[in-house]
Amino acid sequence: MSFDLTLTPAVKTQCKNCHACCMGLIVDLDEEDLILWEESGLLEELLESTEIDFENPWGHNRVIKQRDDGSCIFLVNGLCTIYQVRPNVCRDFEYLGLNCKSLRKRCGLDDFE
């Protein structure tokens, strides 16, 4: 399974594909994510790449698995392999917001400021 990664020129320029957001970020799936995956015909295949997060104090949520280094299992060669059907957490991730800056710092990257 793989998708074409298409970014607007503005995102390519600003984000520079550092993929710090794909390192150590817990990606909780919501109902909309599961509906999107189901509509794409990939629900069963993508669910194999998730697990139940029993540590979540708000209940048992389904999260995307991470590799031992903390990277998302859908990150391959610095690109998201499910970009078109990425979860809302990923879609809503704010470029150079507090979480972005924190993750960039943790990865040893500057914050462009």
PDB file of N, CA and C in Angstrom:
ATOM      1  N   MET A   1       0.851  -1.167   0.000  1.00  0.00           N
ATOM      2  CA  MET A   1       0.000   0.000   0.000  1.00  0.00           C
ATOM      3  C   MET A   1       0.894   1.225   0.000  1.00  0.00           C
ATOM      4  N   SER A   2       0.571   2.170  -0.873  1.00  0.00           N
ATOM      5  CA  SER A   2       1.335   3.390  -0.954  1.00  0.00           C
ATOM      6  C   SER A   2       0.507   4.443  -1.659  1.00  0.00           C
ATOM      7  N   PHE A   3       0.722   5.689  -1.293  1.00  0.00           N
ATOM      8  CA  PHE A   3       0.028   6.802  -1.910  1.00  0.00           C
ATOM      9  C   PHE A   3       1.053   7.798  -2.407  1.00  0.00           C
ATOM     10  N   ASP A   4       0.669   8.574  -3.405  1.00  0.00           N
ATOM     11  CA  ASP A   4       1.532   9.647  -3.873  1.00  0.00           C
ATOM     12  C   ASP A   4       1.477  10.780  -2.864  1.00  0.00           C
ATOM     13  N   LEU A   5       2.627  11.307  -2.518  1.00  0.00           N
ATOM     14  CA  LEU A   5       2.685  12.436  -1.598  1.00  0.00           C
ATOM     15  C   LEU A   5       2.708  13.701  -2.432  1.00  0.00           C
ATOM     16  N   THR A   6       1.654  14.482  -2.344  1.00  0.00           N
ATOM     17  CA  THR A   6       1.609  15.734  -3.081  1.00  0.00           C
ATOM     18  C   THR A   6       1.442  16.869  -2.089  1.00  0.00           C
ATOM     19  N   LEU A   7       2.412  17.750  -2.057  1.00  0.00           N
ATOM     20  CA  LEU A   7       2.382  18.896  -1.163  1.00  0.00           C
ATOM     21  C   LEU A   7       2.345  20.162  -2.003  1.00  0.00           C
ATOM     22  N   THR A   8       1.678  21.164  -1.504  1.00  0.00           N
ATOM     23  CA  THR A   8       1.669  22.448  -2.190  1.00  0.00           C
ATOM     24  C   THR A   8       3.068  23.058  -2.081  1.00  0.00           C
ATOM     25  N   PRO A   9       3.434  23.937  -3.008  1.00  0.00           N
ATOM     26  CA  PRO A   9       4.755  24.582  -2.916  1.00  0.00           C
ATOM     27  C   PRO A   9       4.967  25.277  -1.580  1.00  0.00           C
ATOM     28  N   ALA A  10       3.923  25.884  -1.004  1.00  0.00           N
ATOM     29  CA  ALA A  10       4.076  26.573   0.279  1.00  0.00           C
ATOM     30  C   ALA A  10       4.468  25.597   1.376  1.00  0.00           C
ATOM     31  N   VAL A  11       3.847  24.422   1.409  1.00  0.00           N
ATOM     32  CA  VAL A  11       4.182  23.432   2.432  1.00  0.00           C
ATOM     33  C   VAL A  11       5.596  22.920   2.211  1.00  0.00           C
ATOM     34  N   LYS A  12       5.968  22.654   0.959  1.00  0.00           N
ATOM     35  CA  LYS A  12       7.331  22.188   0.683  1.00  0.00           C
ATOM     36  C   LYS A  12       8.351  23.207   1.173  1.00  0.00           C
ATOM     37  N   THR A  13       8.072  24.479   0.968  1.00  0.00           N
ATOM     38  CA  THR A  13       8.998  25.533   1.363  1.00  0.00           C
ATOM     39  C   THR A  13       9.040  25.674   2.874  1.00  0.00           C
ATOM     40  N   GLN A  14       7.886  25.721   3.513  1.00  0.00           N
ATOM     41  CA  GLN A  14       7.842  25.944   4.955  1.00  0.00           C
ATOM     42  C   GLN A  14       8.271  24.717   5.740  1.00  0.00           C
ATOM     43  N   CYS A  15       7.668  23.599   5.443  1.00  0.00           N
ATOM     44  CA  CYS A  15       7.877  22.408   6.249  1.00  0.00           C
ATOM     45  C   CYS A  15       9.231  21.769   5.958  1.00  0.00           C
ATOM     46  N   LYS A  16       9.661  21.792   4.729  1.00  0.00           N
ATOM     47  CA  LYS A  16      10.930  21.210   4.306  1.00  0.00           C
ATOM     48  C   LYS A  16      10.986  19.710   4.589  1.00  0.00           C
ATOM     49  N   ASN A  17       9.822  19.107   4.770  1.00  0.00           N
ATOM     50  CA  ASN A  17       9.727  17.658   4.954  1.00  0.00           C
ATOM     51  C   ASN A  17      10.643  17.127   6.057  1.00  0.00           C
ATOM     52  N   CYS A  18      10.732  17.844   7.178  1.00  0.00           N
ATOM     53  CA  CYS A  18      11.603  17.388   8.264  1.00  0.00           C
ATOM     54  C   CYS A  18      11.035  16.138   8.928  1.00  0.00           C
ATOM     55  N   HIS A  19       9.753  15.920   8.813  1.00  0.00           N
ATOM     56  CA  HIS A  19       8.989  14.806   9.383  1.00  0.00           C
ATOM     57  C   HIS A  19       9.174  14.618  10.889  1.00  0.00           C
ATOM     58  N   ALA A  20       9.526  15.691  11.608  1.00  0.00           N
ATOM     59  CA  ALA A  20       9.602  15.604  13.071  1.00  0.00           C
ATOM     60  C   ALA A  20       8.231  15.272  13.639  1.00  0.00           C
ATOM     61  N   CYS A  21       7.169  15.730  12.954  1.00  0.00           N
ATOM     62  CA  CYS A  21       5.814  15.456  13.430  1.00  0.00           C
ATOM     63  C   CYS A  21       5.489  13.966  13.358  1.00  0.00           C
ATOM     64  N   CYS A  22       6.239  13.222  12.581  1.00  0.00           N
ATOM     65  CA  CYS A  22       6.018  11.772  12.454  1.00  0.00           C
ATOM     66  C   CYS A  22       6.911  10.987  13.412  1.00  0.00           C
ATOM     67  N   MET A  23       7.616  11.700  14.290  1.00  0.00           N
ATOM     68  CA  MET A  23       8.531  11.073  15.241  1.00  0.00           C
ATOM     69  C   MET A  23       8.032  11.316  16.656  1.00  0.00           C
ATOM     70  N   GLY A  24       7.509  10.322  17.291  1.00  0.00           N
ATOM     71  CA  GLY A  24       7.116  10.440  18.686  1.00  0.00           C
ATOM     72  C   GLY A  24       5.736  11.010  18.924  1.00  0.00           C
ATOM     73  N   LEU A  25       5.023  11.384  17.886  1.00  0.00           N
ATOM     74  CA  LEU A  25       3.675  11.909  18.045  1.00  0.00           C
ATOM     75  C   LEU A  25       2.697  10.739  18.169  1.00  0.00           C
ATOM     76  N   ILE A  26       1.922  10.714  19.241  1.00  0.00           N
ATOM     77  CA  ILE A  26       0.907   9.673  19.396  1.00  0.00           C
ATOM     78  C   ILE A  26      -0.274  10.055  18.511  1.00  0.00           C
ATOM     79  N   VAL A  27      -0.612   9.191  17.571  1.00  0.00           N
ATOM     80  CA  VAL A  27      -1.687   9.482  16.620  1.00  0.00           C
ATOM     81  C   VAL A  27      -2.924   8.680  17.009  1.00  0.00           C
ATOM     82  N   ASP A  28      -3.809   9.358  17.752  1.00  0.00           N
ATOM     83  CA  ASP A  28      -5.095   8.765  18.125  1.00  0.00           C
ATOM     84  C   ASP A  28      -6.033   8.841  16.929  1.00  0.00           C
ATOM     85  N   LEU A  29      -6.697   7.754  16.658  1.00  0.00           N
ATOM     86  CA  LEU A  29      -7.667   7.738  15.567  1.00  0.00           C
ATOM     87  C   LEU A  29      -9.045   8.087  16.102  1.00  0.00           C
ATOM     88  N   ASP A  30      -9.783   8.883  15.346  1.00  0.00           N
ATOM     89  CA  ASP A  30     -11.151   9.185  15.738  1.00  0.00           C
ATOM     90  C   ASP A  30     -12.120   8.544  14.750  1.00  0.00           C
ATOM     91  N   GLU A  31     -13.390   8.726  14.991  1.00  0.00           N
ATOM     92  CA  GLU A  31     -14.426   8.109  14.154  1.00  0.00           C
ATOM     93  C   GLU A  31     -14.303   8.546  12.700  1.00  0.00           C
ATOM     94  N   GLU A  32     -13.989   9.822  12.484  1.00  0.00           N
ATOM     95  CA  GLU A  32     -13.834  10.327  11.118  1.00  0.00           C
ATOM     96  C   GLU A  32     -12.698   9.623  10.387  1.00  0.00           C
ATOM     97  N   ASP A  33     -11.610   9.339  11.097  1.00  0.00           N
ATOM     98  CA  ASP A  33     -10.488   8.627  10.484  1.00  0.00           C
ATOM     99  C   ASP A  33     -10.918   7.246  10.003  1.00  0.00           C
ATOM    100  N   LEU A  34     -11.644   6.556  10.868  1.00  0.00           N
ATOM    101  CA  LEU A  34     -12.079   5.205  10.512  1.00  0.00           C
ATOM    102  C   LEU A  34     -13.070   5.229   9.345  1.00  0.00           C
ATOM    103  N   ILE A  35     -13.920   6.237   9.302  1.00  0.00           N
ATOM    104  CA  ILE A  35     -14.860   6.374   8.182  1.00  0.00           C
ATOM    105  C   ILE A  35     -14.088   6.632   6.892  1.00  0.00           C
ATOM    106  N   LEU A  36     -13.095   7.532   6.938  1.00  0.00           N
ATOM    107  CA  LEU A  36     -12.279   7.814   5.764  1.00  0.00           C
ATOM    108  C   LEU A  36     -11.577   6.557   5.273  1.00  0.00           C
ATOM    109  N   TRP A  37     -11.010   5.797   6.199  1.00  0.00           N
ATOM    110  CA  TRP A  37     -10.323   4.566   5.824  1.00  0.00           C
ATOM    111  C   TRP A  37     -11.298   3.561   5.222  1.00  0.00           C
ATOM    112  N   GLU A  38     -12.504   3.490   5.800  1.00  0.00           N
ATOM    113  CA  GLU A  38     -13.500   2.561   5.273  1.00  0.00           C
ATOM    114  C   GLU A  38     -13.920   2.980   3.865  1.00  0.00           C
ATOM    115  N   GLU A  39     -14.151   4.271   3.662  1.00  0.00           N
ATOM    116  CA  GLU A  39     -14.549   4.761   2.346  1.00  0.00           C
ATOM    117  C   GLU A  39     -13.451   4.561   1.307  1.00  0.00           C
ATOM    118  N   SER A  40     -12.205   4.557   1.747  1.00  0.00           N
ATOM    119  CA  SER A  40     -11.089   4.349   0.824  1.00  0.00           C
ATOM    120  C   SER A  40     -10.925   2.872   0.456  1.00  0.00           C
ATOM    121  N   GLY A  41     -11.626   1.999   1.184  1.00  0.00           N
ATOM    122  CA  GLY A  41     -11.495   0.565   0.942  1.00  0.00           C
ATOM    123  C   GLY A  41     -10.290  -0.043   1.626  1.00  0.00           C
ATOM    124  N   LEU A  42      -9.648   0.719   2.505  1.00  0.00           N
ATOM    125  CA  LEU A  42      -8.420   0.265   3.146  1.00  0.00           C
ATOM    126  C   LEU A  42      -8.562   0.002   4.638  1.00  0.00           C
ATOM    127  N   LEU A  43      -9.783   0.034   5.155  1.00  0.00           N
ATOM    128  CA  LEU A  43      -9.976  -0.063   6.603  1.00  0.00           C
ATOM    129  C   LEU A  43      -9.295  -1.284   7.199  1.00  0.00           C
ATOM    130  N   GLU A  44      -9.579  -2.459   6.696  1.00  0.00           N
ATOM    131  CA  GLU A  44      -9.015  -3.682   7.292  1.00  0.00           C
ATOM    132  C   GLU A  44      -7.499  -3.691   7.226  1.00  0.00           C
ATOM    133  N   GLU A  45      -6.952  -3.284   6.077  1.00  0.00           N
ATOM    134  CA  GLU A  45      -5.497  -3.271   5.911  1.00  0.00           C
ATOM    135  C   GLU A  45      -4.841  -2.267   6.856  1.00  0.00           C
ATOM    136  N   LEU A  46      -5.445  -1.081   6.973  1.00  0.00           N
ATOM    137  CA  LEU A  46      -4.866  -0.059   7.834  1.00  0.00           C
ATOM    138  C   LEU A  46      -5.045  -0.378   9.312  1.00  0.00           C
ATOM    139  N   LEU A  47      -6.137  -1.032   9.684  1.00  0.00           N
ATOM    140  CA  LEU A  47      -6.343  -1.394  11.095  1.00  0.00           C
ATOM    141  C   LEU A  47      -5.268  -2.347  11.603  1.00  0.00           C
ATOM    142  N   GLU A  48      -4.671  -3.117  10.708  1.00  0.00           N
ATOM    143  CA  GLU A  48      -3.581  -4.007  11.105  1.00  0.00           C
ATOM    144  C   GLU A  48      -2.373  -3.214  11.599  1.00  0.00           C
ATOM    145  N   SER A  49      -2.320  -1.935  11.247  1.00  0.00           N
ATOM    146  CA  SER A  49      -1.205  -1.077  11.624  1.00  0.00           C
ATOM    147  C   SER A  49      -1.512  -0.222  12.840  1.00  0.00           C
ATOM    148  N   THR A  50      -2.556  -0.603  13.587  1.00  0.00           N
ATOM    149  CA  THR A  50      -2.944   0.158  14.770  1.00  0.00           C
ATOM    150  C   THR A  50      -2.982  -0.767  15.981  1.00  0.00           C
ATOM    151  N   GLU A  51      -3.116  -0.158  17.126  1.00  0.00           N
ATOM    152  CA  GLU A  51      -3.247  -0.919  18.372  1.00  0.00           C
ATOM    153  C   GLU A  51      -4.123  -0.131  19.336  1.00  0.00           C
ATOM    154  N   ILE A  52      -4.628  -0.815  20.332  1.00  0.00           N
ATOM    155  CA  ILE A  52      -5.426  -0.154  21.362  1.00  0.00           C
ATOM    156  C   ILE A  52      -4.469   0.446  22.386  1.00  0.00           C
ATOM    157  N   ASP A  53      -4.684   1.710  22.743  1.00  0.00           N
ATOM    158  CA  ASP A  53      -3.858   2.406  23.716  1.00  0.00           C
ATOM    159  C   ASP A  53      -4.525   2.300  25.086  1.00  0.00           C
ATOM    160  N   PHE A  54      -4.072   1.349  25.890  1.00  0.00           N
ATOM    161  CA  PHE A  54      -4.664   1.128  27.208  1.00  0.00           C
ATOM    162  C   PHE A  54      -4.177   2.151  28.231  1.00  0.00           C
ATOM    163  N   GLU A  55      -3.154   2.923  27.897  1.00  0.00           N
ATOM    164  CA  GLU A  55      -2.613   3.933  28.809  1.00  0.00           C
ATOM    165  C   GLU A  55      -3.413   5.229  28.748  1.00  0.00           C
ATOM    166  N   ASN A  56      -4.285   5.364  27.786  1.00  0.00           N
ATOM    167  CA  ASN A  56      -5.035   6.598  27.603  1.00  0.00           C
ATOM    168  C   ASN A  56      -6.031   6.767  28.742  1.00  0.00           C
ATOM    169  N   PRO A  57      -5.922   7.845  29.531  1.00  0.00           N
ATOM    170  CA  PRO A  57      -6.807   8.025  30.680  1.00  0.00           C
ATOM    171  C   PRO A  57      -8.263   8.318  30.295  1.00  0.00           C
ATOM    172  N   TRP A  58      -8.515   8.673  29.025  1.00  0.00           N
ATOM    173  CA  TRP A  58      -9.865   9.004  28.587  1.00  0.00           C
ATOM    174  C   TRP A  58     -10.593   7.813  27.988  1.00  0.00           C
ATOM    175  N   GLY A  59      -9.988   6.659  28.011  1.00  0.00           N
ATOM    176  CA  GLY A  59     -10.625   5.479  27.434  1.00  0.00           C
ATOM    177  C   GLY A  59      -9.647   4.731  26.555  1.00  0.00           C
ATOM    178  N   HIS A  60     -10.135   3.697  25.927  1.00  0.00           N
ATOM    179  CA  HIS A  60      -9.286   2.883  25.059  1.00  0.00           C
ATOM    180  C   HIS A  60      -9.409   3.382  23.636  1.00  0.00           C
ATOM    181  N   ASN A  61      -8.406   4.096  23.184  1.00  0.00           N
ATOM    182  CA  ASN A  61      -8.396   4.619  21.832  1.00  0.00           C
ATOM    183  C   ASN A  61      -7.472   3.795  20.953  1.00  0.00           C
ATOM    184  N   ARG A  62      -7.793   3.792  19.694  1.00  0.00           N
ATOM    185  CA  ARG A  62      -6.951   3.122  18.718  1.00  0.00           C
ATOM    186  C   ARG A  62      -5.907   4.123  18.244  1.00  0.00           C
ATOM    187  N   VAL A  63      -4.640   3.717  18.257  1.00  0.00           N
ATOM    188  CA  VAL A  63      -3.539   4.576  17.832  1.00  0.00           C
ATOM    189  C   VAL A  63      -2.721   3.858  16.763  1.00  0.00           C
ATOM    190  N   ILE A  64      -2.029   4.646  15.959  1.00  0.00           N
ATOM    191  CA  ILE A  64      -1.133   4.081  14.952  1.00  0.00           C
ATOM    192  C   ILE A  64       0.124   3.590  15.651  1.00  0.00           C
ATOM    193  N   LYS A  65       0.583   2.424  15.264  1.00  0.00           N
ATOM    194  CA  LYS A  65       1.787   1.849  15.854  1.00  0.00           C
ATOM    195  C   LYS A  65       2.999   2.692  15.498  1.00  0.00           C
ATOM    196  N   GLN A  66       4.013   2.603  16.371  1.00  0.00           N
ATOM    197  CA  GLN A  66       5.275   3.293  16.146  1.00  0.00           C
ATOM    198  C   GLN A  66       6.410   2.284  16.121  1.00  0.00           C
ATOM    199  N   ARG A  67       7.457   2.634  15.407  1.00  0.00           N
ATOM    200  CA  ARG A  67       8.668   1.815  15.413  1.00  0.00           C
ATOM    201  C   ARG A  67       9.408   2.042  16.736  1.00  0.00           C
ATOM    202  N   ASP A  68      10.430   1.262  16.977  1.00  0.00           N
ATOM    203  CA  ASP A  68      11.212   1.390  18.210  1.00  0.00           C
ATOM    204  C   ASP A  68      11.812   2.782  18.382  1.00  0.00           C
ATOM    205  N   ASP A  69      12.104   3.472  17.269  1.00  0.00           N
ATOM    206  CA  ASP A  69      12.674   4.811  17.357  1.00  0.00           C
ATOM    207  C   ASP A  69      11.614   5.890  17.542  1.00  0.00           C
ATOM    208  N   GLY A  70      10.339   5.495  17.661  1.00  0.00           N
ATOM    209  CA  GLY A  70       9.246   6.434  17.868  1.00  0.00           C
ATOM    210  C   GLY A  70       8.607   6.954  16.598  1.00  0.00           C
ATOM    211  N   SER A  71       9.111   6.538  15.443  1.00  0.00           N
ATOM    212  CA  SER A  71       8.546   7.026  14.182  1.00  0.00           C
ATOM    213  C   SER A  71       7.277   6.251  13.828  1.00  0.00           C
ATOM    214  N   CYS A  72       6.405   6.930  13.132  1.00  0.00           N
ATOM    215  CA  CYS A  72       5.159   6.319  12.653  1.00  0.00           C
ATOM    216  C   CYS A  72       5.497   5.205  11.664  1.00  0.00           C
ATOM    217  N   ILE A  73       4.775   4.111  11.742  1.00  0.00           N
ATOM    218  CA  ILE A  73       5.072   2.997  10.835  1.00  0.00           C
ATOM    219  C   ILE A  73       4.727   3.324   9.386  1.00  0.00           C
ATOM    220  N   PHE A  74       3.971   4.386   9.160  1.00  0.00           N
ATOM    221  CA  PHE A  74       3.643   4.782   7.792  1.00  0.00           C
ATOM    222  C   PHE A  74       4.671   5.751   7.206  1.00  0.00           C
ATOM    223  N   LEU A  75       5.686   6.128   7.979  1.00  0.00           N
ATOM    224  CA  LEU A  75       6.748   7.002   7.491  1.00  0.00           C
ATOM    225  C   LEU A  75       7.809   6.140   6.806  1.00  0.00           C
ATOM    226  N   VAL A  76       7.985   6.345   5.514  1.00  0.00           N
ATOM    227  CA  VAL A  76       8.964   5.577   4.745  1.00  0.00           C
ATOM    228  C   VAL A  76       9.807   6.550   3.930  1.00  0.00           C
ATOM    229  N   ASN A  77      11.113   6.498   4.146  1.00  0.00           N
ATOM    230  CA  ASN A  77      12.037   7.395   3.445  1.00  0.00           C
ATOM    231  C   ASN A  77      11.627   8.865   3.604  1.00  0.00           C
ATOM    232  N   GLY A  78      11.171   9.226   4.791  1.00  0.00           N
ATOM    233  CA  GLY A  78      10.808  10.604   5.084  1.00  0.00           C
ATOM    234  C   GLY A  78       9.464  11.044   4.533  1.00  0.00           C
ATOM    235  N   LEU A  79       8.685  10.133   3.988  1.00  0.00           N
ATOM    236  CA  LEU A  79       7.384  10.472   3.411  1.00  0.00           C
ATOM    237  C   LEU A  79       6.277   9.629   4.034  1.00  0.00           C
ATOM    238  N   CYS A  80       5.099  10.209   4.108  1.00  0.00           N
ATOM    239  CA  CYS A  80       3.932   9.502   4.626  1.00  0.00           C
ATOM    240  C   CYS A  80       3.328   8.644   3.523  1.00  0.00           C
ATOM    241  N   THR A  81       3.235   7.353   3.779  1.00  0.00           N
ATOM    242  CA  THR A  81       2.710   6.441   2.756  1.00  0.00           C
ATOM    243  C   THR A  81       1.190   6.406   2.727  1.00  0.00           C
ATOM    244  N   ILE A  82       0.538   7.077   3.682  1.00  0.00           N
ATOM    245  CA  ILE A  82      -0.934   7.138   3.673  1.00  0.00           C
ATOM    246  C   ILE A  82      -1.395   8.591   3.656  1.00  0.00           C
ATOM    247  N   TYR A  83      -0.631   9.461   3.020  1.00  0.00           N
ATOM    248  CA  TYR A  83      -0.874  10.898   3.077  1.00  0.00           C
ATOM    249  C   TYR A  83      -2.317  11.274   2.743  1.00  0.00           C
ATOM    250  N   GLN A  84      -2.894  10.696   1.685  1.00  0.00           N
ATOM    251  CA  GLN A  84      -4.250  11.067   1.293  1.00  0.00           C
ATOM    252  C   GLN A  84      -5.300  10.647   2.313  1.00  0.00           C
ATOM    253  N   VAL A  85      -5.023   9.649   3.119  1.00  0.00           N
ATOM    254  CA  VAL A  85      -5.985   9.185   4.129  1.00  0.00           C
ATOM    255  C   VAL A  85      -5.387   9.281   5.536  1.00  0.00           C
ATOM    256  N   ARG A  86      -4.458  10.219   5.715  1.00  0.00           N
ATOM    257  CA  ARG A  86      -3.820  10.381   7.024  1.00  0.00           C
ATOM    258  C   ARG A  86      -4.868  10.810   8.051  1.00  0.00           C
ATOM    259  N   PRO A  87      -4.659  10.439   9.307  1.00  0.00           N
ATOM    260  CA  PRO A  87      -5.610  10.770  10.371  1.00  0.00           C
ATOM    261  C   PRO A  87      -5.730  12.273  10.610  1.00  0.00           C
ATOM    262  N   ASN A  88      -6.815  12.668  11.254  1.00  0.00           N
ATOM    263  CA  ASN A  88      -7.067  14.073  11.575  1.00  0.00           C
ATOM    264  C   ASN A  88      -5.952  14.689  12.413  1.00  0.00           C
ATOM    265  N   VAL A  89      -5.378  13.920  13.322  1.00  0.00           N
ATOM    266  CA  VAL A  89      -4.269  14.433  14.136  1.00  0.00           C
ATOM    267  C   VAL A  89      -3.154  14.945  13.225  1.00  0.00           C
ATOM    268  N   CYS A  90      -2.887  14.211  12.164  1.00  0.00           N
ATOM    269  CA  CYS A  90      -1.842  14.604  11.216  1.00  0.00           C
ATOM    270  C   CYS A  90      -2.302  15.778  10.348  1.00  0.00           C
ATOM    271  N   ARG A  91      -3.549  15.715   9.897  1.00  0.00           N
ATOM    272  CA  ARG A  91      -4.077  16.803   9.059  1.00  0.00           C
ATOM    273  C   ARG A  91      -4.100  18.124   9.809  1.00  0.00           C
ATOM    274  N   ASP A  92      -4.392  18.088  11.088  1.00  0.00           N
ATOM    275  CA  ASP A  92      -4.548  19.301  11.894  1.00  0.00           C
ATOM    276  C   ASP A  92      -3.253  19.778  12.545  1.00  0.00           C
ATOM    277  N   PHE A  93      -2.169  19.040  12.352  1.00  0.00           N
ATOM    278  CA  PHE A  93      -0.903  19.394  13.000  1.00  0.00           C
ATOM    279  C   PHE A  93      -0.449  20.757  12.498  1.00  0.00           C
ATOM    280  N   GLU A  94      -0.245  21.696  13.412  1.00  0.00           N
ATOM    281  CA  GLU A  94       0.053  23.078  13.047  1.00  0.00           C
ATOM    282  C   GLU A  94       1.549  23.282  12.822  1.00  0.00           C
ATOM    283  N   TYR A  95       1.890  23.656  11.595  1.00  0.00           N
ATOM    284  CA  TYR A  95       3.275  23.971  11.259  1.00  0.00           C
ATOM    285  C   TYR A  95       3.784  25.087  12.164  1.00  0.00           C
ATOM    286  N   LEU A  96       4.887  24.835  12.831  1.00  0.00           N
ATOM    287  CA  LEU A  96       5.536  25.740  13.777  1.00  0.00           C
ATOM    288  C   LEU A  96       4.655  26.138  14.954  1.00  0.00           C
ATOM    289  N   GLY A  97       3.631  25.329  15.254  1.00  0.00           N
ATOM    290  CA  GLY A  97       2.876  25.483  16.487  1.00  0.00           C
ATOM    291  C   GLY A  97       3.735  24.949  17.628  1.00  0.00           C
ATOM    292  N   LEU A  98       3.212  24.987  18.833  1.00  0.00           N
ATOM    293  CA  LEU A  98       3.983  24.535  19.993  1.00  0.00           C
ATOM    294  C   LEU A  98       4.422  23.083  19.868  1.00  0.00           C
ATOM    295  N   ASN A  99       3.516  22.207  19.411  1.00  0.00           N
ATOM    296  CA  ASN A  99       3.883  20.793  19.266  1.00  0.00           C
ATOM    297  C   ASN A  99       4.953  20.602  18.209  1.00  0.00           C
ATOM    298  N   CYS A 100       4.833  21.317  17.103  1.00  0.00           N
ATOM    299  CA  CYS A 100       5.821  21.235  16.036  1.00  0.00           C
ATOM    300  C   CYS A 100       7.195  21.650  16.559  1.00  0.00           C
ATOM    301  N   LYS A 101       7.251  22.791  17.227  1.00  0.00           N
ATOM    302  CA  LYS A 101       8.525  23.284  17.747  1.00  0.00           C
ATOM    303  C   LYS A 101       9.126  22.316  18.762  1.00  0.00           C
ATOM    304  N   SER A 102       8.279  21.757  19.606  1.00  0.00           N
ATOM    305  CA  SER A 102       8.753  20.801  20.607  1.00  0.00           C
ATOM    306  C   SER A 102       9.328  19.549  19.952  1.00  0.00           C
ATOM    307  N   LEU A 103       8.611  19.019  18.970  1.00  0.00           N
ATOM    308  CA  LEU A 103       9.094  17.823  18.276  1.00  0.00           C
ATOM    309  C   LEU A 103      10.345  18.116  17.462  1.00  0.00           C
ATOM    310  N   ARG A 104      10.400  19.282  16.818  1.00  0.00           N
ATOM    311  CA  ARG A 104      11.601  19.655  16.061  1.00  0.00           C
ATOM    312  C   ARG A 104      12.808  19.754  17.006  1.00  0.00           C
ATOM    313  N   LYS A 105      12.604  20.338  18.182  1.00  0.00           N
ATOM    314  CA  LYS A 105      13.692  20.461  19.146  1.00  0.00           C
ATOM    315  C   LYS A 105      14.152  19.067  19.612  1.00  0.00           C
ATOM    316  N   ARG A 106      13.175  18.194  19.878  1.00  0.00           N
ATOM    317  CA  ARG A 106      13.506  16.836  20.313  1.00  0.00           C
ATOM    318  C   ARG A 106      14.303  16.082  19.241  1.00  0.00           C
ATOM    319  N   CYS A 107      14.033  16.407  17.969  1.00  0.00           N
ATOM    320  CA  CYS A 107      14.726  15.765  16.852  1.00  0.00           C
ATOM    321  C   CYS A 107      16.033  16.484  16.503  1.00  0.00           C
ATOM    322  N   GLY A 108      16.344  17.564  17.240  1.00  0.00           N
ATOM    323  CA  GLY A 108      17.588  18.284  16.997  1.00  0.00           C
ATOM    324  C   GLY A 108      17.513  19.264  15.836  1.00  0.00           C
ATOM    325  N   LEU A 109      16.322  19.713  15.489  1.00  0.00           N
ATOM    326  CA  LEU A 109      16.151  20.650  14.374  1.00  0.00           C
ATOM    327  C   LEU A 109      15.821  22.033  14.888  1.00  0.00           C
ATOM    328  N   ASP A 110      16.127  23.075  14.077  1.00  0.00           N
ATOM    329  CA  ASP A 110      15.779  24.428  14.479  1.00  0.00           C
ATOM    330  C   ASP A 110      14.278  24.631  14.303  1.00  0.00           C
ATOM    331  N   ASP A 111      13.772  25.785  14.752  1.00  0.00           N
ATOM    332  CA  ASP A 111      12.346  26.054  14.627  1.00  0.00           C
ATOM    333  C   ASP A 111      12.065  27.154  13.616  1.00  0.00           C
ATOM    334  N   PHE A 112      13.036  27.458  12.741  1.00  0.00           N
ATOM    335  CA  PHE A 112      12.880  28.458  11.678  1.00  0.00           C
ATOM    336  C   PHE A 112      12.598  29.846  12.223  1.00  0.00           C
ATOM    337  N   GLU A 113      12.939  30.112  13.457  1.00  0.00           N
ATOM    338  CA  GLU A 113      12.704  31.462  13.998  1.00  0.00           C
ATOM    339  C   GLU A 113      14.040  32.132  14.272  1.00  0.00           C
TER     340      GLU A 113
END
